[in-house]
Amino acid sequence: MKGSPDSPPVTCPGVFLPEKHDIYLSVCILGQYKETECLPPVFPLLFHEKMLFEKVFESAVDPAAVTEMLESKCN
């Protein structure tokens, strides 16, 4: 299974960042952690990177089995 989630602009109305350090987006999907490059703290944040998440479900024999495994982990 491969996935590459799209990243919409990140907005935070009313948020004040007291420190002006660069920030990044951290994502965890299927037990895999990925981070974007750092950006200046100016909203909206526009991440133009692609993240690829891959996972092999060795015991799955068909797509329905993968669906069942993912649903059981979410419940």
N, C-alpha and C. Protein backbone atom coordinates (compact mmCIF):
# COMPACT_ATOMS: atom_id res chain seq x y z
N MET A 1 0.86 -1.17 0.00
CA MET A 1 0.00 0.00 0.00
C MET A 1 0.90 1.22 0.00
N LYS A 2 0.61 2.17 -0.87
CA LYS A 2 1.35 3.42 -0.93
C LYS A 2 0.36 4.56 -0.78
N GLY A 3 0.79 5.62 -0.14
CA GLY A 3 -0.07 6.79 0.00
C GLY A 3 0.75 8.05 0.03
N SER A 4 0.23 9.09 -0.56
CA SER A 4 0.87 10.39 -0.56
C SER A 4 -0.21 11.44 -0.31
N PRO A 5 -0.43 11.78 0.97
CA PRO A 5 -1.51 12.72 1.28
C PRO A 5 -1.22 14.12 0.75
N ASP A 6 -2.27 14.77 0.27
CA ASP A 6 -2.14 16.17 -0.15
C ASP A 6 -2.12 17.05 1.08
N SER A 7 -1.39 18.14 0.99
CA SER A 7 -1.29 19.05 2.13
C SER A 7 -1.95 20.38 1.79
N PRO A 8 -3.15 20.62 2.33
CA PRO A 8 -3.79 21.92 2.09
C PRO A 8 -3.05 23.00 2.88
N PRO A 9 -3.28 24.26 2.56
CA PRO A 9 -2.65 25.33 3.34
C PRO A 9 -3.04 25.21 4.81
N VAL A 10 -2.09 25.45 5.69
CA VAL A 10 -2.33 25.38 7.13
C VAL A 10 -2.61 26.79 7.64
N THR A 11 -3.79 27.00 8.19
CA THR A 11 -4.14 28.30 8.75
C THR A 11 -4.45 28.13 10.23
N CYS A 12 -4.23 29.16 10.99
CA CYS A 12 -4.50 29.14 12.43
C CYS A 12 -5.02 30.51 12.85
N PRO A 13 -6.29 30.81 12.53
CA PRO A 13 -6.83 32.13 12.89
C PRO A 13 -6.73 32.38 14.40
N GLY A 14 -6.24 33.55 14.73
CA GLY A 14 -6.15 33.95 16.13
C GLY A 14 -4.91 33.44 16.86
N VAL A 15 -4.08 32.67 16.19
CA VAL A 15 -2.89 32.13 16.85
C VAL A 15 -1.76 33.16 16.79
N PHE A 16 -1.12 33.35 17.92
CA PHE A 16 0.04 34.23 18.01
C PHE A 16 1.25 33.39 18.36
N LEU A 17 2.28 33.46 17.55
CA LEU A 17 3.51 32.72 17.83
C LEU A 17 4.51 33.68 18.47
N PRO A 18 4.75 33.55 19.79
CA PRO A 18 5.64 34.49 20.47
C PRO A 18 7.08 34.38 19.99
N GLU A 19 7.50 33.19 19.62
CA GLU A 19 8.85 33.00 19.10
C GLU A 19 8.78 33.03 17.58
N LYS A 20 9.75 33.57 16.96
CA LYS A 20 9.75 33.68 15.50
C LYS A 20 10.66 32.63 14.85
N HIS A 21 10.76 31.47 15.49
CA HIS A 21 11.58 30.40 14.93
C HIS A 21 10.82 29.73 13.79
N ASP A 22 11.58 29.10 12.90
CA ASP A 22 10.96 28.35 11.81
C ASP A 22 10.15 27.19 12.38
N ILE A 23 9.15 26.75 11.64
CA ILE A 23 8.30 25.65 12.08
C ILE A 23 8.21 24.61 10.97
N TYR A 24 7.74 23.42 11.34
CA TYR A 24 7.59 22.34 10.39
C TYR A 24 6.34 21.54 10.72
N LEU A 25 5.92 20.71 9.77
CA LEU A 25 4.77 19.85 9.95
C LEU A 25 5.27 18.44 10.16
N SER A 26 4.78 17.79 11.21
CA SER A 26 5.13 16.41 11.52
C SER A 26 3.89 15.55 11.34
N VAL A 27 4.02 14.44 10.58
CA VAL A 27 2.88 13.59 10.26
C VAL A 27 3.23 12.15 10.61
N CYS A 28 2.26 11.44 11.21
CA CYS A 28 2.43 10.01 11.49
C CYS A 28 1.28 9.27 10.83
N ILE A 29 1.61 8.41 9.88
CA ILE A 29 0.62 7.58 9.19
C ILE A 29 1.18 6.16 9.11
N LEU A 30 0.36 5.20 9.47
CA LEU A 30 0.76 3.79 9.43
C LEU A 30 2.02 3.54 10.25
N GLY A 31 2.17 4.28 11.36
CA GLY A 31 3.31 4.09 12.24
C GLY A 31 4.62 4.68 11.72
N GLN A 32 4.56 5.46 10.67
CA GLN A 32 5.74 6.09 10.09
C GLN A 32 5.67 7.60 10.32
N TYR A 33 6.76 8.17 10.80
CA TYR A 33 6.82 9.60 11.07
C TYR A 33 7.62 10.30 9.97
N LYS A 34 7.07 11.38 9.47
CA LYS A 34 7.74 12.21 8.46
C LYS A 34 7.63 13.66 8.88
N GLU A 35 8.63 14.45 8.51
CA GLU A 35 8.61 15.89 8.80
C GLU A 35 8.92 16.66 7.53
N THR A 36 8.32 17.84 7.42
CA THR A 36 8.62 18.72 6.29
C THR A 36 9.88 19.52 6.60
N GLU A 37 10.36 20.22 5.61
CA GLU A 37 11.44 21.18 5.83
C GLU A 37 10.87 22.33 6.66
N CYS A 38 11.73 23.06 7.30
CA CYS A 38 11.30 24.20 8.12
C CYS A 38 10.86 25.37 7.24
N LEU A 39 9.84 26.07 7.73
CA LEU A 39 9.32 27.26 7.05
C LEU A 39 9.28 28.42 8.03
N PRO A 40 9.33 29.64 7.53
CA PRO A 40 9.13 30.78 8.42
C PRO A 40 7.71 30.77 8.97
N PRO A 41 7.50 31.27 10.18
CA PRO A 41 6.17 31.21 10.81
C PRO A 41 5.21 32.27 10.27
N VAL A 42 4.85 32.16 9.01
CA VAL A 42 3.94 33.11 8.36
C VAL A 42 2.75 32.32 7.83
N PHE A 43 1.55 32.67 8.28
CA PHE A 43 0.36 31.96 7.85
C PHE A 43 -0.24 32.61 6.61
N PRO A 44 -0.85 31.84 5.70
CA PRO A 44 -0.99 30.39 5.75
C PRO A 44 0.33 29.71 5.41
N LEU A 45 0.58 28.58 6.07
CA LEU A 45 1.77 27.80 5.77
C LEU A 45 1.50 27.00 4.50
N LEU A 46 2.40 27.07 3.56
CA LEU A 46 2.24 26.35 2.30
C LEU A 46 3.37 25.33 2.17
N PHE A 47 3.03 24.08 2.39
CA PHE A 47 4.01 23.00 2.27
C PHE A 47 3.93 22.44 0.86
N HIS A 48 5.03 22.54 0.14
CA HIS A 48 5.06 22.07 -1.25
C HIS A 48 5.83 20.75 -1.38
N GLU A 49 5.92 20.03 -0.29
CA GLU A 49 6.64 18.76 -0.30
C GLU A 49 5.67 17.61 -0.43
N LYS A 50 6.15 16.52 -0.96
CA LYS A 50 5.36 15.30 -1.00
C LYS A 50 5.95 14.33 0.01
N MET A 51 5.07 13.64 0.71
CA MET A 51 5.48 12.61 1.65
C MET A 51 4.94 11.29 1.14
N LEU A 52 5.77 10.29 1.10
CA LEU A 52 5.34 8.98 0.64
C LEU A 52 5.38 8.01 1.82
N PHE A 53 4.26 7.36 2.05
CA PHE A 53 4.14 6.37 3.12
C PHE A 53 3.88 5.02 2.47
N GLU A 54 4.68 4.04 2.81
CA GLU A 54 4.51 2.70 2.27
C GLU A 54 4.41 1.70 3.41
N LYS A 55 3.59 0.69 3.22
CA LYS A 55 3.46 -0.36 4.22
C LYS A 55 3.08 -1.64 3.50
N VAL A 56 3.72 -2.73 3.90
CA VAL A 56 3.41 -4.04 3.36
C VAL A 56 2.61 -4.80 4.40
N PHE A 57 1.45 -5.26 4.01
CA PHE A 57 0.61 -6.07 4.89
C PHE A 57 0.82 -7.53 4.45
N GLU A 58 1.80 -8.17 5.06
CA GLU A 58 2.22 -9.49 4.61
C GLU A 58 1.15 -10.56 4.77
N SER A 59 0.29 -10.42 5.76
CA SER A 59 -0.73 -11.46 5.96
C SER A 59 -2.00 -11.21 5.16
N ALA A 60 -2.06 -10.11 4.44
CA ALA A 60 -3.27 -9.79 3.66
C ALA A 60 -3.22 -10.50 2.31
N VAL A 61 -4.33 -11.10 1.94
CA VAL A 61 -4.40 -11.79 0.65
C VAL A 61 -5.20 -11.01 -0.38
N ASP A 62 -5.96 -10.01 0.06
CA ASP A 62 -6.71 -9.18 -0.88
C ASP A 62 -6.96 -7.80 -0.25
N PRO A 63 -7.38 -6.82 -1.04
CA PRO A 63 -7.61 -5.46 -0.51
C PRO A 63 -8.61 -5.41 0.64
N ALA A 64 -9.59 -6.28 0.64
CA ALA A 64 -10.57 -6.29 1.73
C ALA A 64 -9.90 -6.64 3.06
N ALA A 65 -8.91 -7.49 3.02
CA ALA A 65 -8.18 -7.85 4.25
C ALA A 65 -7.41 -6.64 4.78
N VAL A 66 -6.84 -5.86 3.89
CA VAL A 66 -6.13 -4.64 4.30
C VAL A 66 -7.11 -3.67 4.94
N THR A 67 -8.28 -3.52 4.34
CA THR A 67 -9.32 -2.65 4.89
C THR A 67 -9.68 -3.08 6.30
N GLU A 68 -9.88 -4.37 6.50
CA GLU A 68 -10.23 -4.88 7.83
C GLU A 68 -9.12 -4.61 8.84
N MET A 69 -7.86 -4.79 8.43
CA MET A 69 -6.73 -4.52 9.34
C MET A 69 -6.68 -3.06 9.74
N LEU A 70 -6.86 -2.17 8.77
CA LEU A 70 -6.82 -0.73 9.08
C LEU A 70 -7.99 -0.32 9.95
N GLU A 71 -9.18 -0.85 9.68
CA GLU A 71 -10.34 -0.49 10.50
C GLU A 71 -10.19 -1.01 11.92
N SER A 72 -9.60 -2.19 12.10
CA SER A 72 -9.45 -2.73 13.46
C SER A 72 -8.44 -1.92 14.26
N LYS A 73 -7.45 -1.29 13.60
CA LYS A 73 -6.47 -0.47 14.30
C LYS A 73 -7.07 0.88 14.71
N CYS A 74 -8.09 1.34 13.99
CA CYS A 74 -8.70 2.64 14.28
C CYS A 74 -9.77 2.53 15.36
N ASN A 75 -10.24 1.35 15.67
CA ASN A 75 -11.32 1.19 16.66
C ASN A 75 -10.77 0.89 18.03
